[in-house]
Amino acid sequence: MEGQKEIKMALKKYRPHELFIYKMNCDSLSLFSIEKKFPLVIEINGSVFKKLSYVEESGEESGEESGEESGGESGGIIATFHRHDLSIKELQLPKNPILLILVGLEKPGNLGAILRSAESIGTDVIILSENKTDVFHTNVIRSSLGTIFYHKKIIYQSNGLNLIKWFKTKKINILATCIRDNTITLYENNLRSGIAIIIGNESLGLSNYWTNISDRLLKIPMHGNIDSLNVSNAVAVILFELLRQRMENS
């Protein structure tokens, strides 16, 4: 994990392990408060830092585009942490919970934007399954505004069958997103009860496995020449319609 802001957020949730410092690009004063919390601090040179840093390899966030020198976006520090992954068996759910299941997402920016939307409407649980991007990727952290560090119930679950069995025992309705012609639109669905919304891969959507085991399918009605939205925009539309229905019902 890199960046002083991101590392400070991570320290509130995870146990620190190692801190790698490239001192040529560090703000010594702000670094001191971070450095003293790590049991192992390793000073590295610029070439090693460049190999470790995602920011330096990304044209979008690199110093080349921003006009900063190497290590600027990261603040010259990279850290590793110990983490405890929550399991579904540990969950305690409120009445009529909102669960969001993300299956096979590939792009860090999309995942981060979805996490941000989910946190903003008060999603109770976020479950990541079969995803092809790391939730601790720098772009996920930044586009989510650090949601990964303060949302208390993010689950990493690869076994879809176990998920479905657990949903059934909790009497949670399972809704899968799908653009088939006979799918009920978002606005015709009742989203007020306990619900798990399943979102699929950016280009491929959900496999038949997920759509077949779902209680209902939903789609966002489209009236132009385009038949779909970017996945993060689609999730925001769905979640805020869910919130609208619940606020209207309260």
C-alpha atoms as a PDB file:
ATOM      1  CA  MET A   1       0.000   0.000   0.000  1.00  0.00           C
ATOM      2  CA  GLU A   2       1.374   3.431  -0.849  1.00  0.00           C
ATOM      3  CA  GLY A   3       0.698   7.074  -0.126  1.00  0.00           C
ATOM      4  CA  GLN A   4       0.807   8.832   3.247  1.00  0.00           C
ATOM      5  CA  LYS A   5      -2.937   9.518   3.289  1.00  0.00           C
ATOM      6  CA  GLU A   6      -3.796   5.904   2.436  1.00  0.00           C
ATOM      7  CA  ILE A   7      -1.341   4.468   4.968  1.00  0.00           C
ATOM      8  CA  LYS A   8      -2.701   6.699   7.737  1.00  0.00           C
ATOM      9  CA  MET A   9      -6.219   5.408   6.987  1.00  0.00           C
ATOM     10  CA  ALA A  10      -4.993   1.805   6.948  1.00  0.00           C
ATOM     11  CA  LEU A  11      -3.366   2.238  10.358  1.00  0.00           C
ATOM     12  CA  LYS A  12      -6.829   2.784  11.874  1.00  0.00           C
ATOM     13  CA  LYS A  13      -7.955  -0.703  10.831  1.00  0.00           C
ATOM     14  CA  TYR A  14      -4.945  -2.961  10.217  1.00  0.00           C
ATOM     15  CA  ARG A  15      -1.880  -3.969  12.192  1.00  0.00           C
ATOM     16  CA  PRO A  16       1.274  -2.475  10.599  1.00  0.00           C
ATOM     17  CA  HIS A  17       4.031  -4.778   9.348  1.00  0.00           C
ATOM     18  CA  GLU A  18       6.711  -3.134   7.171  1.00  0.00           C
ATOM     19  CA  LEU A  19       7.376   0.413   6.001  1.00  0.00           C
ATOM     20  CA  PHE A  20       9.582   1.093   2.956  1.00  0.00           C
ATOM     21  CA  ILE A  21      10.925   4.645   2.710  1.00  0.00           C
ATOM     22  CA  TYR A  22      12.486   6.537  -0.184  1.00  0.00           C
ATOM     23  CA  LYS A  23      13.757   9.520   1.789  1.00  0.00           C
ATOM     24  CA  MET A  24      14.517  11.727  -1.219  1.00  0.00           C
ATOM     25  CA  ASN A  25      10.757  12.186  -1.620  1.00  0.00           C
ATOM     26  CA  CYS A  26       9.551  12.077   1.974  1.00  0.00           C
ATOM     27  CA  ASP A  27       8.152  14.872   4.064  1.00  0.00           C
ATOM     28  CA  SER A  28      10.199  14.100   7.182  1.00  0.00           C
ATOM     29  CA  LEU A  29       7.857  15.875   9.585  1.00  0.00           C
ATOM     30  CA  SER A  30       4.673  14.053   8.515  1.00  0.00           C
ATOM     31  CA  LEU A  31       6.583  10.791   8.049  1.00  0.00           C
ATOM     32  CA  PHE A  32       7.649  10.673  11.709  1.00  0.00           C
ATOM     33  CA  SER A  33       4.100  10.028  12.986  1.00  0.00           C
ATOM     34  CA  ILE A  34       3.753   7.096  10.573  1.00  0.00           C
ATOM     35  CA  GLU A  35       7.251   5.644  10.934  1.00  0.00           C
ATOM     36  CA  LYS A  36       7.056   5.158  14.703  1.00  0.00           C
ATOM     37  CA  LYS A  37       4.032   2.841  14.353  1.00  0.00           C
ATOM     38  CA  PHE A  38       5.834   0.240  12.222  1.00  0.00           C
ATOM     39  CA  PRO A  39       7.956  -2.504  13.803  1.00  0.00           C
ATOM     40  CA  LEU A  40      10.130  -2.772  10.688  1.00  0.00           C
ATOM     41  CA  VAL A  41      11.290   0.283   8.700  1.00  0.00           C
ATOM     42  CA  ILE A  42      13.453  -0.198   5.602  1.00  0.00           C
ATOM     43  CA  GLU A  43      15.102   2.615   3.672  1.00  0.00           C
ATOM     44  CA  ILE A  44      15.300   1.984  -0.085  1.00  0.00           C
ATOM     45  CA  ASN A  45      16.753   3.813  -3.081  1.00  0.00           C
ATOM     46  CA  GLY A  46      14.884   5.346  -5.992  1.00  0.00           C
ATOM     47  CA  SER A  47      15.226   2.389  -8.370  1.00  0.00           C
ATOM     48  CA  VAL A  48      13.851  -0.084  -5.814  1.00  0.00           C
ATOM     49  CA  PHE A  49      11.037   2.304  -4.951  1.00  0.00           C
ATOM     50  CA  LYS A  50      10.096   2.573  -8.623  1.00  0.00           C
ATOM     51  CA  LYS A  51       9.838  -1.218  -8.889  1.00  0.00           C
ATOM     52  CA  LEU A  52       7.622  -1.459  -5.804  1.00  0.00           C
ATOM     53  CA  SER A  53       5.403   1.519  -6.567  1.00  0.00           C
ATOM     54  CA  TYR A  54       2.257   1.086  -8.655  1.00  0.00           C
ATOM     55  CA  VAL A  55       1.854   4.847  -8.900  1.00  0.00           C
ATOM     56  CA  GLU A  56       5.134   5.233 -10.745  1.00  0.00           C
ATOM     57  CA  GLU A  57       4.164   2.607 -13.325  1.00  0.00           C
ATOM     58  CA  SER A  58       0.744   4.094 -14.034  1.00  0.00           C
ATOM     59  CA  GLY A  59       0.552   6.820 -16.679  1.00  0.00           C
ATOM     60  CA  GLU A  60      -2.681   8.089 -15.130  1.00  0.00           C
ATOM     61  CA  GLU A  61      -1.255   8.711 -11.689  1.00  0.00           C
ATOM     62  CA  SER A  62       2.490   8.919 -12.341  1.00  0.00           C
ATOM     63  CA  GLY A  63       4.726  11.871 -11.650  1.00  0.00           C
ATOM     64  CA  GLU A  64       5.250  12.314 -15.418  1.00  0.00           C
ATOM     65  CA  GLU A  65       1.701  13.567 -15.926  1.00  0.00           C
ATOM     66  CA  SER A  66       1.411  15.483 -12.676  1.00  0.00           C
ATOM     67  CA  GLY A  67       4.784  17.147 -13.042  1.00  0.00           C
ATOM     68  CA  GLU A  68       6.056  15.647  -9.790  1.00  0.00           C
ATOM     69  CA  GLU A  69       9.310  13.791  -9.317  1.00  0.00           C
ATOM     70  CA  SER A  70       9.517  10.066  -8.664  1.00  0.00           C
ATOM     71  CA  GLY A  71       7.749   9.106  -5.442  1.00  0.00           C
ATOM     72  CA  GLY A  72       5.676  12.295  -5.353  1.00  0.00           C
ATOM     73  CA  GLU A  73       2.210  10.728  -5.458  1.00  0.00           C
ATOM     74  CA  SER A  74       3.238   8.068  -2.937  1.00  0.00           C
ATOM     75  CA  GLY A  75       4.914  10.508  -0.597  1.00  0.00           C
ATOM     76  CA  GLY A  76       7.971   8.270  -0.848  1.00  0.00           C
ATOM     77  CA  ILE A  77       6.549   5.494   1.337  1.00  0.00           C
ATOM     78  CA  ILE A  78       5.069   2.035   0.795  1.00  0.00           C
ATOM     79  CA  ALA A  79       3.713  -0.135   3.612  1.00  0.00           C
ATOM     80  CA  THR A  80       2.541  -3.676   4.265  1.00  0.00           C
ATOM     81  CA  PHE A  81      -0.068  -4.659   6.873  1.00  0.00           C
ATOM     82  CA  HIS A  82      -1.458  -7.723   8.596  1.00  0.00           C
ATOM     83  CA  ARG A  83      -5.167  -8.161   7.923  1.00  0.00           C
ATOM     84  CA  HIS A  84      -8.025 -10.245   9.256  1.00  0.00           C
ATOM     85  CA  ASP A  85     -10.573 -11.311   6.651  1.00  0.00           C
ATOM     86  CA  LEU A  86     -14.128 -11.486   7.932  1.00  0.00           C
ATOM     87  CA  SER A  87     -16.115 -14.623   7.017  1.00  0.00           C
ATOM     88  CA  ILE A  88     -19.854 -14.809   6.360  1.00  0.00           C
ATOM     89  CA  LYS A  89     -20.223 -16.970   9.474  1.00  0.00           C
ATOM     90  CA  GLU A  90     -19.110 -14.019  11.614  1.00  0.00           C
ATOM     91  CA  LEU A  91     -21.752 -11.649  10.262  1.00  0.00           C
ATOM     92  CA  GLN A  92     -24.588 -10.270  12.334  1.00  0.00           C
ATOM     93  CA  LEU A  93     -27.187  -8.613  10.124  1.00  0.00           C
ATOM     94  CA  PRO A  94     -29.776  -5.949  10.921  1.00  0.00           C
ATOM     95  CA  LYS A  95     -33.422  -6.262   9.923  1.00  0.00           C
ATOM     96  CA  ASN A  96     -33.898  -6.019   6.133  1.00  0.00           C
ATOM     97  CA  PRO A  97     -30.172  -5.856   5.355  1.00  0.00           C
ATOM     98  CA  ILE A  98     -28.618  -4.566   2.142  1.00  0.00           C
ATOM     99  CA  LEU A  99     -25.899  -6.797   0.719  1.00  0.00           C
ATOM    100  CA  LEU A 100     -23.905  -6.109  -2.431  1.00  0.00           C
ATOM    101  CA  ILE A 101     -22.101  -8.997  -4.159  1.00  0.00           C
ATOM    102  CA  LEU A 102     -19.486  -8.105  -6.767  1.00  0.00           C
ATOM    103  CA  VAL A 103     -18.516 -10.992  -9.049  1.00  0.00           C
ATOM    104  CA  GLY A 104     -15.514 -10.974 -11.372  1.00  0.00           C
ATOM    105  CA  LEU A 105     -14.790  -7.240 -11.510  1.00  0.00           C
ATOM    106  CA  GLU A 106     -11.573  -6.380 -13.344  1.00  0.00           C
ATOM    107  CA  LYS A 107     -10.969  -2.630 -13.175  1.00  0.00           C
ATOM    108  CA  PRO A 108      -9.710  -1.015  -9.954  1.00  0.00           C
ATOM    109  CA  GLY A 109     -11.415   2.308 -10.699  1.00  0.00           C
ATOM    110  CA  ASN A 110     -14.792   0.616 -11.068  1.00  0.00           C
ATOM    111  CA  LEU A 111     -14.400  -1.369  -7.861  1.00  0.00           C
ATOM    112  CA  GLY A 112     -13.396   1.744  -5.929  1.00  0.00           C
ATOM    113  CA  ALA A 113     -16.311   3.800  -7.273  1.00  0.00           C
ATOM    114  CA  ILE A 114     -18.755   0.998  -6.383  1.00  0.00           C
ATOM    115  CA  LEU A 115     -17.396   0.746  -2.839  1.00  0.00           C
ATOM    116  CA  ARG A 116     -17.869   4.509  -2.467  1.00  0.00           C
ATOM    117  CA  SER A 117     -21.503   4.332  -3.648  1.00  0.00           C
ATOM    118  CA  ALA A 118     -22.203   1.330  -1.421  1.00  0.00           C
ATOM    119  CA  GLU A 119     -20.877   3.129   1.644  1.00  0.00           C
ATOM    120  CA  SER A 120     -22.814   6.299   0.807  1.00  0.00           C
ATOM    121  CA  ILE A 121     -26.237   4.585   0.970  1.00  0.00           C
ATOM    122  CA  GLY A 122     -25.391   2.505   4.043  1.00  0.00           C
ATOM    123  CA  THR A 123     -24.881  -0.936   2.497  1.00  0.00           C
ATOM    124  CA  ASP A 124     -24.554  -3.420   5.366  1.00  0.00           C
ATOM    125  CA  VAL A 125     -22.261  -5.987   3.719  1.00  0.00           C
ATOM    126  CA  ILE A 126     -20.086  -5.963   0.593  1.00  0.00           C
ATOM    127  CA  ILE A 127     -19.009  -9.373  -0.699  1.00  0.00           C
ATOM    128  CA  LEU A 128     -16.226  -9.739  -3.261  1.00  0.00           C
ATOM    129  CA  SER A 129     -16.263 -12.983  -5.262  1.00  0.00           C
ATOM    130  CA  GLU A 130     -14.046 -14.097  -8.154  1.00  0.00           C
ATOM    131  CA  ASN A 131     -12.741 -10.558  -8.614  1.00  0.00           C
ATOM    132  CA  LYS A 132      -9.697 -10.034 -10.797  1.00  0.00           C
ATOM    133  CA  THR A 133      -8.462  -6.885  -9.092  1.00  0.00           C
ATOM    134  CA  ASP A 134      -7.043  -6.457  -5.609  1.00  0.00           C
ATOM    135  CA  VAL A 135      -9.250  -4.459  -3.259  1.00  0.00           C
ATOM    136  CA  PHE A 136      -6.051  -2.892  -1.857  1.00  0.00           C
ATOM    137  CA  HIS A 137      -4.920  -1.675  -5.282  1.00  0.00           C
ATOM    138  CA  THR A 138      -3.936   2.006  -5.121  1.00  0.00           C
ATOM    139  CA  ASN A 139      -6.647   3.046  -7.591  1.00  0.00           C
ATOM    140  CA  VAL A 140      -9.312   1.156  -5.622  1.00  0.00           C
ATOM    141  CA  ILE A 141      -8.327   2.956  -2.430  1.00  0.00           C
ATOM    142  CA  ARG A 142      -8.262   6.379  -4.052  1.00  0.00           C
ATOM    143  CA  SER A 143     -11.446   6.098  -6.114  1.00  0.00           C
ATOM    144  CA  SER A 144     -13.303   4.708  -3.071  1.00  0.00           C
ATOM    145  CA  LEU A 145     -12.040   7.562  -0.858  1.00  0.00           C
ATOM    146  CA  GLY A 146     -10.702   4.931   1.534  1.00  0.00           C
ATOM    147  CA  THR A 147     -13.998   3.049   1.975  1.00  0.00           C
ATOM    148  CA  ILE A 148     -12.047  -0.202   2.330  1.00  0.00           C
ATOM    149  CA  PHE A 149     -10.633   1.097   5.639  1.00  0.00           C
ATOM    150  CA  TYR A 150     -13.817   2.126   7.411  1.00  0.00           C
ATOM    151  CA  HIS A 151     -16.549  -0.110   6.001  1.00  0.00           C
ATOM    152  CA  LYS A 152     -16.613  -2.779   8.705  1.00  0.00           C
ATOM    153  CA  LYS A 153     -18.160  -5.639   6.745  1.00  0.00           C
ATOM    154  CA  ILE A 154     -16.299  -6.442   3.533  1.00  0.00           C
ATOM    155  CA  ILE A 155     -16.113 -10.169   2.831  1.00  0.00           C
ATOM    156  CA  TYR A 156     -13.801 -12.011   0.437  1.00  0.00           C
ATOM    157  CA  GLN A 157     -15.696 -15.115  -0.654  1.00  0.00           C
ATOM    158  CA  SER A 158     -14.846 -17.241  -3.685  1.00  0.00           C
ATOM    159  CA  ASN A 159     -17.369 -20.047  -3.146  1.00  0.00           C
ATOM    160  CA  GLY A 160     -20.672 -19.015  -4.700  1.00  0.00           C
ATOM    161  CA  LEU A 161     -22.536 -22.083  -3.469  1.00  0.00           C
ATOM    162  CA  ASN A 162     -21.682 -21.311   0.161  1.00  0.00           C
ATOM    163  CA  LEU A 163     -22.909 -17.766  -0.347  1.00  0.00           C
ATOM    164  CA  ILE A 164     -26.258 -18.870  -1.728  1.00  0.00           C
ATOM    165  CA  LYS A 165     -26.809 -21.386   1.069  1.00  0.00           C
ATOM    166  CA  TRP A 166     -26.093 -18.678   3.621  1.00  0.00           C
ATOM    167  CA  PHE A 167     -28.510 -16.247   1.936  1.00  0.00           C
ATOM    168  CA  LYS A 168     -31.257 -18.875   2.008  1.00  0.00           C
ATOM    169  CA  THR A 169     -30.802 -19.540   5.728  1.00  0.00           C
ATOM    170  CA  LYS A 170     -31.112 -15.786   6.391  1.00  0.00           C
ATOM    171  CA  LYS A 171     -34.200 -15.452   4.134  1.00  0.00           C
ATOM    172  CA  ILE A 172     -32.441 -12.865   1.986  1.00  0.00           C
ATOM    173  CA  ASN A 173     -33.858 -12.262  -1.505  1.00  0.00           C
ATOM    174  CA  ILE A 174     -31.237 -12.625  -4.229  1.00  0.00           C
ATOM    175  CA  LEU A 175     -31.428 -10.226  -7.182  1.00  0.00           C
ATOM    176  CA  ALA A 176     -29.088 -10.564 -10.147  1.00  0.00           C
ATOM    177  CA  THR A 177     -28.514  -7.867 -12.737  1.00  0.00           C
ATOM    178  CA  CYS A 178     -29.270  -8.963 -16.292  1.00  0.00           C
ATOM    179  CA  ILE A 179     -30.279  -7.255 -19.574  1.00  0.00           C
ATOM    180  CA  ARG A 180     -32.492 -10.020 -20.968  1.00  0.00           C
ATOM    181  CA  ASP A 181     -35.678  -8.786 -22.643  1.00  0.00           C
ATOM    182  CA  ASN A 182     -37.968 -10.516 -20.144  1.00  0.00           C
ATOM    183  CA  THR A 183     -36.171  -9.144 -17.084  1.00  0.00           C
ATOM    184  CA  ILE A 184     -38.195  -6.955 -14.678  1.00  0.00           C
ATOM    185  CA  THR A 185     -36.930  -3.391 -14.563  1.00  0.00           C
ATOM    186  CA  LEU A 186     -35.307  -1.891 -11.498  1.00  0.00           C
ATOM    187  CA  TYR A 187     -38.292   0.354 -10.814  1.00  0.00           C
ATOM    188  CA  GLU A 188     -40.761  -2.552 -10.842  1.00  0.00           C
ATOM    189  CA  ASN A 189     -38.801  -4.438  -8.189  1.00  0.00           C
ATOM    190  CA  ASN A 190     -39.602  -4.160  -4.500  1.00  0.00           C
ATOM    191  CA  LEU A 191     -36.281  -3.456  -2.796  1.00  0.00           C
ATOM    192  CA  ARG A 192     -37.544  -2.863   0.730  1.00  0.00           C
ATOM    193  CA  SER A 193     -36.947  -6.305   2.284  1.00  0.00           C
ATOM    194  CA  GLY A 194     -33.634  -8.011   3.063  1.00  0.00           C
ATOM    195  CA  ILE A 195     -31.838  -8.147  -0.252  1.00  0.00           C
ATOM    196  CA  ALA A 196     -28.598  -9.246  -1.918  1.00  0.00           C
ATOM    197  CA  ILE A 197     -27.836  -7.581  -5.247  1.00  0.00           C
ATOM    198  CA  ILE A 198     -25.359  -9.409  -7.476  1.00  0.00           C
ATOM    199  CA  ILE A 199     -23.282  -7.419  -9.968  1.00  0.00           C
ATOM    200  CA  GLY A 200     -21.176  -9.082 -12.677  1.00  0.00           C
ATOM    201  CA  ASN A 201     -18.060  -8.489 -14.758  1.00  0.00           C
ATOM    202  CA  GLU A 202     -17.724  -5.226 -16.722  1.00  0.00           C
ATOM    203  CA  SER A 203     -17.926  -6.812 -20.171  1.00  0.00           C
ATOM    204  CA  LEU A 204     -19.361 -10.301 -19.594  1.00  0.00           C
ATOM    205  CA  GLY A 205     -21.878  -9.618 -16.841  1.00  0.00           C
ATOM    206  CA  LEU A 206     -22.985 -12.571 -14.714  1.00  0.00           C
ATOM    207  CA  SER A 207     -22.705 -16.209 -15.711  1.00  0.00           C
ATOM    208  CA  ASN A 208     -25.794 -18.416 -15.993  1.00  0.00           C
ATOM    209  CA  TYR A 209     -24.857 -19.944 -12.648  1.00  0.00           C
ATOM    210  CA  TRP A 210     -25.585 -16.679 -10.825  1.00  0.00           C
ATOM    211  CA  THR A 211     -28.698 -15.744 -12.797  1.00  0.00           C
ATOM    212  CA  ASN A 212     -30.170 -19.238 -12.431  1.00  0.00           C
ATOM    213  CA  ILE A 213     -29.857 -19.357  -8.642  1.00  0.00           C
ATOM    214  CA  SER A 214     -31.215 -15.836  -8.111  1.00  0.00           C
ATOM    215  CA  ASP A 215     -34.763 -15.240  -6.904  1.00  0.00           C
ATOM    216  CA  ARG A 216     -35.300 -12.372  -9.342  1.00  0.00           C
ATOM    217  CA  LEU A 217     -33.519 -10.610 -12.185  1.00  0.00           C
ATOM    218  CA  LEU A 218     -33.439  -6.860 -12.643  1.00  0.00           C
ATOM    219  CA  LYS A 219     -32.298  -4.412 -15.276  1.00  0.00           C
ATOM    220  CA  ILE A 220     -32.074  -0.656 -15.619  1.00  0.00           C
ATOM    221  CA  PRO A 221     -34.402   0.535 -18.415  1.00  0.00           C
ATOM    222  CA  MET A 222     -32.505   2.165 -21.263  1.00  0.00           C
ATOM    223  CA  HIS A 223     -34.183   4.532 -23.759  1.00  0.00           C
ATOM    224  CA  GLY A 224     -31.322   5.521 -26.047  1.00  0.00           C
ATOM    225  CA  ASN A 225     -29.151   3.608 -28.497  1.00  0.00           C
ATOM    226  CA  ILE A 226     -26.849   2.268 -25.770  1.00  0.00           C
ATOM    227  CA  ASP A 227     -28.006  -0.888 -23.974  1.00  0.00           C
ATOM    228  CA  SER A 228     -25.890  -0.625 -20.813  1.00  0.00           C
ATOM    229  CA  LEU A 229     -24.094   1.673 -18.368  1.00  0.00           C
ATOM    230  CA  ASN A 230     -20.601   1.529 -16.952  1.00  0.00           C
ATOM    231  CA  VAL A 231     -20.816  -0.950 -14.064  1.00  0.00           C
ATOM    232  CA  SER A 232     -20.045   1.610 -11.360  1.00  0.00           C
ATOM    233  CA  ASN A 233     -22.738   3.970 -12.704  1.00  0.00           C
ATOM    234  CA  ALA A 234     -25.224   1.093 -12.910  1.00  0.00           C
ATOM    235  CA  VAL A 235     -24.579   0.109  -9.291  1.00  0.00           C
ATOM    236  CA  ALA A 236     -25.068   3.711  -8.146  1.00  0.00           C
ATOM    237  CA  VAL A 237     -28.428   3.888  -9.951  1.00  0.00           C
ATOM    238  CA  ILE A 238     -29.588   0.607  -8.370  1.00  0.00           C
ATOM    239  CA  LEU A 239     -28.434   1.471  -4.861  1.00  0.00           C
ATOM    240  CA  PHE A 240     -30.013   4.913  -4.830  1.00  0.00           C
ATOM    241  CA  GLU A 241     -33.322   3.525  -6.117  1.00  0.00           C
ATOM    242  CA  LEU A 242     -33.150   1.026  -3.251  1.00  0.00           C
ATOM    243  CA  LEU A 243     -32.510   3.888  -0.827  1.00  0.00           C
ATOM    244  CA  ARG A 244     -35.362   5.948  -2.338  1.00  0.00           C
ATOM    245  CA  GLN A 245     -37.830   3.093  -1.849  1.00  0.00           C
ATOM    246  CA  ARG A 246     -36.789   2.568   1.760  1.00  0.00           C
ATOM    247  CA  MET A 247     -36.915   6.258   2.623  1.00  0.00           C
ATOM    248  CA  GLU A 248     -40.339   6.519   1.027  1.00  0.00           C
ATOM    249  CA  ASN A 249     -41.506   3.553   3.077  1.00  0.00           C
ATOM    250  CA  SER A 250     -40.146   4.844   6.402  1.00  0.00           C
END
